[in-house]
C-alpha atoms as a PDB file:
ATOM      1  CA  UNK A   1     146.608  80.514 108.983  1.00  0.00           C
ATOM      2  CA  UNK A   2     143.334  81.401 107.249  1.00  0.00           C
ATOM      3  CA  UNK A   3     140.297  79.361 108.267  1.00  0.00           C
ATOM      4  CA  UNK A   4     138.626  79.567 104.874  1.00  0.00           C
ATOM      5  CA  UNK A   5     137.649  75.966 104.112  1.00  0.00           C
ATOM      6  CA  UNK A   6     139.080  74.607 100.886  1.00  0.00           C
ATOM      7  CA  UNK A   7     137.423  71.971  98.697  1.00  0.00           C
ATOM      8  CA  UNK A   8     140.032  69.482  99.764  1.00  0.00           C
ATOM      9  CA  UNK A   9     139.396  70.016 103.472  1.00  0.00           C
ATOM     10  CA  UNK A  10     135.644  69.794 102.963  1.00  0.00           C
ATOM     11  CA  UNK A  11     136.015  66.302 101.538  1.00  0.00           C
ATOM     12  CA  UNK A  12     137.166  64.928 104.893  1.00  0.00           C
ATOM     13  CA  UNK A  13     135.645  67.548 107.150  1.00  0.00           C
ATOM     14  CA  UNK A  14     132.866  65.548 108.871  1.00  0.00           C
ATOM     15  CA  UNK A  15     134.628  63.652 111.665  1.00  0.00           C
ATOM     16  CA  UNK A  16     137.299  66.266 112.370  1.00  0.00           C
ATOM     17  CA  UNK A  17     134.767  69.098 112.518  1.00  0.00           C
ATOM     18  CA  UNK A  18     132.576  67.154 114.913  1.00  0.00           C
ATOM     19  CA  UNK A  19     135.579  66.485 117.147  1.00  0.00           C
ATOM     20  CA  UNK A  20     136.451  70.177 117.097  1.00  0.00           C
ATOM     21  CA  UNK A  21     132.943  71.198 118.047  1.00  0.00           C
ATOM     22  CA  UNK A  22     132.725  68.560 120.777  1.00  0.00           C
ATOM     23  CA  UNK A  23     135.992  69.862 122.195  1.00  0.00           C
ATOM     24  CA  UNK A  24     134.579  73.394 122.284  1.00  0.00           C
ATOM     25  CA  UNK A  25     131.349  72.069 123.793  1.00  0.00           C
ATOM     26  CA  UNK A  26     133.135  70.222 126.590  1.00  0.00           C
ATOM     27  CA  UNK A  27     135.244  73.241 127.457  1.00  0.00           C
ATOM     28  CA  UNK A  28     132.613  75.987 127.376  1.00  0.00           C
ATOM     29  CA  UNK A  29     129.168  74.438 127.716  1.00  0.00           C
ATOM     30  CA  UNK A  30     129.245  74.665 131.507  1.00  0.00           C
ATOM     31  CA  UNK A  31     126.975  76.350 134.019  1.00  0.00           C
ATOM     32  CA  UNK A  32     129.801  78.498 135.373  1.00  0.00           C
ATOM     33  CA  UNK A  33     130.319  79.943 131.872  1.00  0.00           C
ATOM     34  CA  UNK A  34     126.792  81.368 131.585  1.00  0.00           C
ATOM     35  CA  UNK A  35     127.592  84.817 132.994  1.00  0.00           C
ATOM     36  CA  UNK A  36     127.393  87.288 131.303  1.00  0.00           C
ATOM     37  CA  UNK A  37     124.384  86.012 129.399  1.00  0.00           C
ATOM     38  CA  UNK A  38     120.702  86.944 129.790  1.00  0.00           C
ATOM     39  CA  UNK A  39     120.031  83.223 130.229  1.00  0.00           C
ATOM     40  CA  UNK A  40     121.215  83.633 133.815  1.00  0.00           C
ATOM     41  CA  UNK A  41     117.928  85.366 134.681  1.00  0.00           C
ATOM     42  CA  UNK A  42     115.951  82.226 133.863  1.00  0.00           C
ATOM     43  CA  UNK A  43     117.759  80.429 136.674  1.00  0.00           C
ATOM     44  CA  UNK A  44     116.504  82.956 139.231  1.00  0.00           C
ATOM     45  CA  UNK A  45     113.147  81.158 139.253  1.00  0.00           C
ATOM     46  CA  UNK A  46     112.167  77.647 140.270  1.00  0.00           C
ATOM     47  CA  UNK A  47     108.694  77.496 138.705  1.00  0.00           C
ATOM     48  CA  UNK A  48     108.396  76.551 135.034  1.00  0.00           C
ATOM     49  CA  UNK A  49     105.749  79.227 134.443  1.00  0.00           C
ATOM     50  CA  UNK A  50     108.111  81.920 135.753  1.00  0.00           C
ATOM     51  CA  UNK A  51     111.094  80.579 133.833  1.00  0.00           C
ATOM     52  CA  UNK A  52     109.351  80.730 130.477  1.00  0.00           C
ATOM     53  CA  UNK A  53     108.105  84.281 131.063  1.00  0.00           C
ATOM     54  CA  UNK A  54     111.519  85.446 132.310  1.00  0.00           C
ATOM     55  CA  UNK A  55     113.160  83.706 129.361  1.00  0.00           C
ATOM     56  CA  UNK A  56     110.908  85.375 126.820  1.00  0.00           C
ATOM     57  CA  UNK A  57     111.576  88.803 128.317  1.00  0.00           C
ATOM     58  CA  UNK A  58     115.333  88.238 128.641  1.00  0.00           C
ATOM     59  CA  UNK A  59     115.680  86.980 125.074  1.00  0.00           C
ATOM     60  CA  UNK A  60     113.525  89.796 123.671  1.00  0.00           C
ATOM     61  CA  UNK A  61     115.918  92.349 125.152  1.00  0.00           C
ATOM     62  CA  UNK A  62     119.066  90.455 124.132  1.00  0.00           C
ATOM     63  CA  UNK A  63     120.409  92.974 121.633  1.00  0.00           C
ATOM     64  CA  UNK A  64     123.084  95.623 122.076  1.00  0.00           C
ATOM     65  CA  UNK A  65     125.980  95.637 124.528  1.00  0.00           C
ATOM     66  CA  UNK A  66     125.857  92.803 127.032  1.00  0.00           C
ATOM     67  CA  UNK A  67     126.173  95.123 130.066  1.00  0.00           C
ATOM     68  CA  UNK A  68     123.191  97.121 128.853  1.00  0.00           C
ATOM     69  CA  UNK A  69     121.207  93.944 128.166  1.00  0.00           C
ATOM     70  CA  UNK A  70     121.753  92.624 131.683  1.00  0.00           C
ATOM     71  CA  UNK A  71     120.864  95.982 133.201  1.00  0.00           C
ATOM     72  CA  UNK A  72     117.641  96.282 131.200  1.00  0.00           C
ATOM     73  CA  UNK A  73     116.494  92.717 131.845  1.00  0.00           C
ATOM     74  CA  UNK A  74     117.234  93.079 135.542  1.00  0.00           C
ATOM     75  CA  UNK A  75     115.234  96.306 135.768  1.00  0.00           C
ATOM     76  CA  UNK A  76     112.188  94.699 134.133  1.00  0.00           C
ATOM     77  CA  UNK A  77     112.248  91.526 136.212  1.00  0.00           C
ATOM     78  CA  UNK A  78     112.889  93.431 139.447  1.00  0.00           C
ATOM     79  CA  UNK A  79     109.790  95.527 138.750  1.00  0.00           C
ATOM     80  CA  UNK A  80     107.767  92.342 138.215  1.00  0.00           C
ATOM     81  CA  UNK A  81     108.541  91.000 141.676  1.00  0.00           C
ATOM     82  CA  UNK A  82     109.154  87.378 142.722  1.00  0.00           C
ATOM     83  CA  UNK A  83     106.858  85.868 140.063  1.00  0.00           C
ATOM     84  CA  UNK A  84     106.946  87.251 136.480  1.00  0.00           C
ATOM     85  CA  UNK A  85     104.000  85.018 135.603  1.00  0.00           C
ATOM     86  CA  UNK A  86     101.992  86.254 138.574  1.00  0.00           C
ATOM     87  CA  UNK A  87     102.785  89.859 137.693  1.00  0.00           C
ATOM     88  CA  UNK A  88     101.459  89.436 134.153  1.00  0.00           C
ATOM     89  CA  UNK A  89      98.285  87.643 135.188  1.00  0.00           C
ATOM     90  CA  UNK A  90      97.566  90.067 138.013  1.00  0.00           C
ATOM     91  CA  UNK A  91      97.969  93.298 136.047  1.00  0.00           C
ATOM     92  CA  UNK A  92      96.578  95.026 132.956  1.00  0.00           C
ATOM     93  CA  UNK A  93      98.040  96.772 129.934  1.00  0.00           C
ATOM     94  CA  UNK A  94      97.438 100.099 131.677  1.00  0.00           C
ATOM     95  CA  UNK A  95      99.404  98.820 134.670  1.00  0.00           C
ATOM     96  CA  UNK A  96     102.271  97.747 132.411  1.00  0.00           C
ATOM     97  CA  UNK A  97     102.364 101.182 130.801  1.00  0.00           C
ATOM     98  CA  UNK A  98     102.495 102.839 134.195  1.00  0.00           C
ATOM     99  CA  UNK A  99     105.161 100.571 135.708  1.00  0.00           C
ATOM    100  CA  UNK A 100     107.441 100.795 132.663  1.00  0.00           C
ATOM    101  CA  UNK A 101     106.668 104.354 131.554  1.00  0.00           C
ATOM    102  CA  UNK A 102     110.334 105.383 131.974  1.00  0.00           C
ATOM    103  CA  UNK A 103     111.818 102.184 130.516  1.00  0.00           C
ATOM    104  CA  UNK A 104     114.201 102.464 127.571  1.00  0.00           C
ATOM    105  CA  UNK A 105     116.468  99.867 125.997  1.00  0.00           C
ATOM    106  CA  UNK A 106     117.957 101.195 122.771  1.00  0.00           C
ATOM    107  CA  UNK A 107     114.973 101.348 120.362  1.00  0.00           C
ATOM    108  CA  UNK A 108     112.598  99.625 122.804  1.00  0.00           C
ATOM    109  CA  UNK A 109     110.438 102.046 124.778  1.00  0.00           C
ATOM    110  CA  UNK A 110     108.217 101.440 127.772  1.00  0.00           C
ATOM    111  CA  UNK A 111     105.210 101.600 125.435  1.00  0.00           C
ATOM    112  CA  UNK A 112     106.596  98.787 123.279  1.00  0.00           C
ATOM    113  CA  UNK A 113     107.503  96.734 126.318  1.00  0.00           C
ATOM    114  CA  UNK A 114     103.995  97.206 127.763  1.00  0.00           C
ATOM    115  CA  UNK A 115     102.459  95.980 124.485  1.00  0.00           C
ATOM    116  CA  UNK A 116     104.788  92.977 124.474  1.00  0.00           C
ATOM    117  CA  UNK A 117     103.864  92.110 128.069  1.00  0.00           C
ATOM    118  CA  UNK A 118     100.194  92.564 127.239  1.00  0.00           C
ATOM    119  CA  UNK A 119     100.513  90.111 124.345  1.00  0.00           C
ATOM    120  CA  UNK A 120     102.337  87.644 126.577  1.00  0.00           C
ATOM    121  CA  UNK A 121      99.607  88.001 129.205  1.00  0.00           C
ATOM    122  CA  UNK A 122      96.936  87.349 126.573  1.00  0.00           C
ATOM    123  CA  UNK A 123      98.700  84.178 125.434  1.00  0.00           C
ATOM    124  CA  UNK A 124      98.940  82.961 129.018  1.00  0.00           C
ATOM    125  CA  UNK A 125      95.247  83.616 129.660  1.00  0.00           C
ATOM    126  CA  UNK A 126      94.203  81.832 126.476  1.00  0.00           C
ATOM    127  CA  UNK A 127      96.547  78.844 126.548  1.00  0.00           C
ATOM    128  CA  UNK A 128      97.648  78.566 130.177  1.00  0.00           C
ATOM    129  CA  UNK A 129     101.357  78.683 129.386  1.00  0.00           C
ATOM    130  CA  UNK A 130     103.739  79.894 126.703  1.00  0.00           C
ATOM    131  CA  UNK A 131     104.650  76.288 125.979  1.00  0.00           C
ATOM    132  CA  UNK A 132     101.005  75.443 125.259  1.00  0.00           C
ATOM    133  CA  UNK A 133     100.719  78.558 123.100  1.00  0.00           C
ATOM    134  CA  UNK A 134     103.750  77.573 121.033  1.00  0.00           C
ATOM    135  CA  UNK A 135     102.753  73.912 120.883  1.00  0.00           C
ATOM    136  CA  UNK A 136      99.341  74.819 119.477  1.00  0.00           C
ATOM    137  CA  UNK A 137     101.024  75.788 116.219  1.00  0.00           C
ATOM    138  CA  UNK A 138     103.681  73.074 116.222  1.00  0.00           C
ATOM    139  CA  UNK A 139     103.716  70.062 113.887  1.00  0.00           C
ATOM    140  CA  UNK A 140     106.313  67.317 114.145  1.00  0.00           C
ATOM    141  CA  UNK A 141     105.931  66.707 110.418  1.00  0.00           C
ATOM    142  CA  UNK A 142     107.472  70.112 109.708  1.00  0.00           C
ATOM    143  CA  UNK A 143     111.239  70.173 109.118  1.00  0.00           C
ATOM    144  CA  UNK A 144     111.733  72.789 111.803  1.00  0.00           C
ATOM    145  CA  UNK A 145     109.918  74.902 114.378  1.00  0.00           C
ATOM    146  CA  UNK A 146     109.833  77.912 112.008  1.00  0.00           C
ATOM    147  CA  UNK A 147     106.122  77.646 111.092  1.00  0.00           C
ATOM    148  CA  UNK A 148     105.248  77.298 114.781  1.00  0.00           C
ATOM    149  CA  UNK A 149     107.433  80.303 115.576  1.00  0.00           C
ATOM    150  CA  UNK A 150     105.570  82.398 113.004  1.00  0.00           C
ATOM    151  CA  UNK A 151     102.288  81.291 114.545  1.00  0.00           C
ATOM    152  CA  UNK A 152     103.606  82.090 118.031  1.00  0.00           C
ATOM    153  CA  UNK A 153     104.519  85.640 116.998  1.00  0.00           C
ATOM    154  CA  UNK A 154     101.083  86.064 115.387  1.00  0.00           C
ATOM    155  CA  UNK A 155      99.396  84.986 118.609  1.00  0.00           C
ATOM    156  CA  UNK A 156     101.432  87.394 120.752  1.00  0.00           C
ATOM    157  CA  UNK A 157     100.803  90.295 118.380  1.00  0.00           C
ATOM    158  CA  UNK A 158      97.088  89.502 118.137  1.00  0.00           C
ATOM    159  CA  UNK A 159      96.827  89.449 121.916  1.00  0.00           C
ATOM    160  CA  UNK A 160      98.799  92.708 122.099  1.00  0.00           C
ATOM    161  CA  UNK A 161      96.574  94.342 119.509  1.00  0.00           C
ATOM    162  CA  UNK A 162      99.527  95.541 117.446  1.00  0.00           C
ATOM    163  CA  UNK A 163     102.523  94.389 115.437  1.00  0.00           C
ATOM    164  CA  UNK A 164     106.046  94.915 116.773  1.00  0.00           C
ATOM    165  CA  UNK A 165     108.280  93.974 113.812  1.00  0.00           C
ATOM    166  CA  UNK A 166     111.444  95.522 115.214  1.00  0.00           C
ATOM    167  CA  UNK A 167     111.035  94.085 118.691  1.00  0.00           C
ATOM    168  CA  UNK A 168     109.196  90.864 117.834  1.00  0.00           C
ATOM    169  CA  UNK A 169     110.192  89.896 114.275  1.00  0.00           C
ATOM    170  CA  UNK A 170     108.544  86.951 112.535  1.00  0.00           C
ATOM    171  CA  UNK A 171     110.187  84.319 110.325  1.00  0.00           C
ATOM    172  CA  UNK A 172     107.490  85.082 107.767  1.00  0.00           C
ATOM    173  CA  UNK A 173     109.292  88.362 107.090  1.00  0.00           C
ATOM    174  CA  UNK A 174     112.612  86.621 106.449  1.00  0.00           C
ATOM    175  CA  UNK A 175     114.265  87.624 109.725  1.00  0.00           C
ATOM    176  CA  UNK A 176     116.652  85.129 111.308  1.00  0.00           C
ATOM    177  CA  UNK A 177     114.729  85.742 114.563  1.00  0.00           C
ATOM    178  CA  UNK A 178     117.902  85.291 116.579  1.00  0.00           C
ATOM    179  CA  UNK A 179     116.348  86.283 119.907  1.00  0.00           C
ATOM    180  CA  UNK A 180     113.258  84.097 119.559  1.00  0.00           C
ATOM    181  CA  UNK A 181     115.372  81.119 118.476  1.00  0.00           C
ATOM    182  CA  UNK A 182     117.546  81.818 121.501  1.00  0.00           C
ATOM    183  CA  UNK A 183     114.429  81.663 123.699  1.00  0.00           C
ATOM    184  CA  UNK A 184     113.464  78.339 122.122  1.00  0.00           C
ATOM    185  CA  UNK A 185     116.951  76.954 122.728  1.00  0.00           C
ATOM    186  CA  UNK A 186     116.701  77.851 126.419  1.00  0.00           C
ATOM    187  CA  UNK A 187     113.232  76.356 126.761  1.00  0.00           C
ATOM    188  CA  UNK A 188     113.678  73.169 124.729  1.00  0.00           C
ATOM    189  CA  UNK A 189     117.253  71.950 125.275  1.00  0.00           C
ATOM    190  CA  UNK A 190     118.365  70.514 128.579  1.00  0.00           C
ATOM    191  CA  UNK A 191     122.050  70.249 129.537  1.00  0.00           C
ATOM    192  CA  UNK A 192     124.557  72.023 131.807  1.00  0.00           C
ATOM    193  CA  UNK A 193     123.603  75.385 130.279  1.00  0.00           C
ATOM    194  CA  UNK A 194     120.101  75.236 128.839  1.00  0.00           C
ATOM    195  CA  UNK A 195     117.424  74.593 131.517  1.00  0.00           C
ATOM    196  CA  UNK A 196     114.902  72.952 129.189  1.00  0.00           C
ATOM    197  CA  UNK A 197     111.671  74.098 130.809  1.00  0.00           C
ATOM    198  CA  UNK A 198     109.480  72.704 127.998  1.00  0.00           C
ATOM    199  CA  UNK A 199     108.795  69.035 127.272  1.00  0.00           C
ATOM    200  CA  UNK A 200     106.692  68.949 124.100  1.00  0.00           C
ATOM    201  CA  UNK A 201     109.033  70.424 121.474  1.00  0.00           C
ATOM    202  CA  UNK A 202     111.937  68.223 120.237  1.00  0.00           C
ATOM    203  CA  UNK A 203     115.409  69.750 120.043  1.00  0.00           C
ATOM    204  CA  UNK A 204     115.721  68.354 116.512  1.00  0.00           C
ATOM    205  CA  UNK A 205     113.349  71.086 115.287  1.00  0.00           C
ATOM    206  CA  UNK A 206     115.304  74.035 116.680  1.00  0.00           C
ATOM    207  CA  UNK A 207     117.058  76.584 114.471  1.00  0.00           C
ATOM    208  CA  UNK A 208     120.423  78.192 115.248  1.00  0.00           C
ATOM    209  CA  UNK A 209     120.102  81.652 116.865  1.00  0.00           C
ATOM    210  CA  UNK A 210     122.064  83.394 114.150  1.00  0.00           C
ATOM    211  CA  UNK A 211     124.202  86.429 114.996  1.00  0.00           C
ATOM    212  CA  UNK A 212     127.234  87.938 113.286  1.00  0.00           C
ATOM    213  CA  UNK A 213     129.685  85.769 115.247  1.00  0.00           C
ATOM    214  CA  UNK A 214     127.936  82.511 114.349  1.00  0.00           C
ATOM    215  CA  UNK A 215     127.546  83.699 110.767  1.00  0.00           C
ATOM    216  CA  UNK A 216     131.287  84.320 110.457  1.00  0.00           C
ATOM    217  CA  UNK A 217     132.169  80.897 111.854  1.00  0.00           C
ATOM    218  CA  UNK A 218     129.604  79.144 109.651  1.00  0.00           C
ATOM    219  CA  UNK A 219     130.960  80.866 106.549  1.00  0.00           C
ATOM    220  CA  UNK A 220     134.481  79.806 107.488  1.00  0.00           C
ATOM    221  CA  UNK A 221     133.388  76.208 107.959  1.00  0.00           C
ATOM    222  CA  UNK A 222     131.478  76.099 104.699  1.00  0.00           C
ATOM    223  CA  UNK A 223     128.152  75.528 106.455  1.00  0.00           C
ATOM    224  CA  UNK A 224     126.638  78.345 104.399  1.00  0.00           C
ATOM    225  CA  UNK A 225     127.610  80.532 101.502  1.00  0.00           C
ATOM    226  CA  UNK A 226     124.986  83.182 102.117  1.00  0.00           C
ATOM    227  CA  UNK A 227     126.306  86.648 102.848  1.00  0.00           C
ATOM    228  CA  UNK A 228     123.075  87.820 104.453  1.00  0.00           C
ATOM    229  CA  UNK A 229     122.376  86.546 107.976  1.00  0.00           C
ATOM    230  CA  UNK A 230     118.668  85.933 107.389  1.00  0.00           C
ATOM    231  CA  UNK A 231     116.370  82.992 108.125  1.00  0.00           C
ATOM    232  CA  UNK A 232     117.436  81.123 104.983  1.00  0.00           C
ATOM    233  CA  UNK A 233     121.023  81.423 106.186  1.00  0.00           C
ATOM    234  CA  UNK A 234     120.074  80.245 109.695  1.00  0.00           C
ATOM    235  CA  UNK A 235     118.350  77.201 108.208  1.00  0.00           C
ATOM    236  CA  UNK A 236     121.381  76.366 106.042  1.00  0.00           C
ATOM    237  CA  UNK A 237     123.675  76.535 109.052  1.00  0.00           C
ATOM    238  CA  UNK A 238     121.284  74.478 111.158  1.00  0.00           C
ATOM    239  CA  UNK A 239     121.138  71.808 108.463  1.00  0.00           C
ATOM    240  CA  UNK A 240     124.932  71.763 108.401  1.00  0.00           C
ATOM    241  CA  UNK A 241     125.136  71.212 112.149  1.00  0.00           C
ATOM    242  CA  UNK A 242     122.305  68.697 111.807  1.00  0.00           C
ATOM    243  CA  UNK A 243     124.530  66.466 109.685  1.00  0.00           C
ATOM    244  CA  UNK A 244     126.764  66.149 112.743  1.00  0.00           C
ATOM    245  CA  UNK A 245     124.021  65.983 115.394  1.00  0.00           C
ATOM    246  CA  UNK A 246     120.608  65.491 113.785  1.00  0.00           C
ATOM    247  CA  UNK A 247     118.744  65.179 117.086  1.00  0.00           C
ATOM    248  CA  UNK A 248     120.289  68.385 118.467  1.00  0.00           C
ATOM    249  CA  UNK A 249     121.483  70.754 115.704  1.00  0.00           C
ATOM    250  CA  UNK A 250     121.916  73.782 118.000  1.00  0.00           C
ATOM    251  CA  UNK A 251     124.013  71.845 120.519  1.00  0.00           C
ATOM    252  CA  UNK A 252     127.137  73.938 119.841  1.00  0.00           C
ATOM    253  CA  UNK A 253     125.537  77.394 119.832  1.00  0.00           C
ATOM    254  CA  UNK A 254     126.348  78.480 123.386  1.00  0.00           C
ATOM    255  CA  UNK A 255     129.849  76.997 123.361  1.00  0.00           C
ATOM    256  CA  UNK A 256     130.780  78.694 120.085  1.00  0.00           C
ATOM    257  CA  UNK A 257     129.474  81.990 121.420  1.00  0.00           C
ATOM    258  CA  UNK A 258     131.595  81.643 124.539  1.00  0.00           C
ATOM    259  CA  UNK A 259     134.585  80.576 122.479  1.00  0.00           C
ATOM    260  CA  UNK A 260     134.392  83.884 120.656  1.00  0.00           C
ATOM    261  CA  UNK A 261     134.397  85.772 123.966  1.00  0.00           C
ATOM    262  CA  UNK A 262     137.481  84.021 125.300  1.00  0.00           C
ATOM    263  CA  UNK A 263     140.565  86.061 124.482  1.00  0.00           C
ATOM    264  CA  UNK A 264     143.042  83.279 125.225  1.00  0.00           C
ATOM    265  CA  UNK A 265     141.293  80.611 123.169  1.00  0.00           C
ATOM    266  CA  UNK A 266     140.189  81.976 119.815  1.00  0.00           C
ATOM    267  CA  UNK A 267     137.713  80.364 117.454  1.00  0.00           C
ATOM    268  CA  UNK A 268     140.100  80.777 114.536  1.00  0.00           C
ATOM    269  CA  UNK A 269     142.828  78.866 116.336  1.00  0.00           C
ATOM    270  CA  UNK A 270     140.837  75.821 117.445  1.00  0.00           C
ATOM    271  CA  UNK A 271     138.729  75.484 114.313  1.00  0.00           C
ATOM    272  CA  UNK A 272     141.747  75.844 112.043  1.00  0.00           C
ATOM    273  CA  UNK A 273     143.659  73.323 114.155  1.00  0.00           C
ATOM    274  CA  UNK A 274     141.011  70.635 114.037  1.00  0.00           C
ATOM    275  CA  UNK A 275     139.700  71.253 110.531  1.00  0.00           C
ATOM    276  CA  UNK A 276     143.052  71.331 108.801  1.00  0.00           C
ATOM    277  CA  UNK A 277     145.560  69.204 110.683  1.00  0.00           C
ATOM    278  CA  UNK A 278     144.077  65.891 109.514  1.00  0.00           C
ATOM    279  CA  UNK A 279     143.675  66.990 105.909  1.00  0.00           C
ATOM    280  CA  UNK A 280     147.269  67.901 105.070  1.00  0.00           C
END
């Protein structure tokens, strides 16, 4: 059965879609389902200041094959020792360049990584924490955290002394900013999967970390009609999920991602089952 959503099914979609998503959430949004996901590195640290630094690094490198992602994140954090925050504060840009001179993760070189770490260090020195840095540009009156995210990227790049559009894209350029929105999800939400290290940003302002898998599902469910997976598309999808869970529109992100990785329990099957069986 195709999972393209017809006009007829859309008319009665609300309750059945929410039930489908809650079913997926209950099955996959569990701590034991995190591996393999770069989020697992955040849980290696007890201190909030280390978790946010580890989370920013892990999310920044979350592109490419998952095995390569985990390997690259592990190599960076291992080099930083027991406290990523302490490593940044206690070293300089020159130190970062030396330590990571041989680093390579797809298009990210050790030079780019050193600049990124330098910008993160600058933000920590100026604001005391990444949460405070992000919060400085945040306004609850905004519909989402997108303006604050743009400001956050500007602050990191200013502190780094250079722009890194491929590695650290900004919403102002139209990018969906999947990795940065992933970082925000980890830091803001708190449940069996997301550790929720931050306290001052409401989950209601988060935007879906949009990748090709989420884009395909959202198109099938009629949550967006946009063919390009850009920030406008991410906002459309977030608003669609927000109609089901306004206080937590990215609630289903992790579970839907895991659903797509489970060979015995496909997204097509469960979403078609729940979205269509009550309509016909």
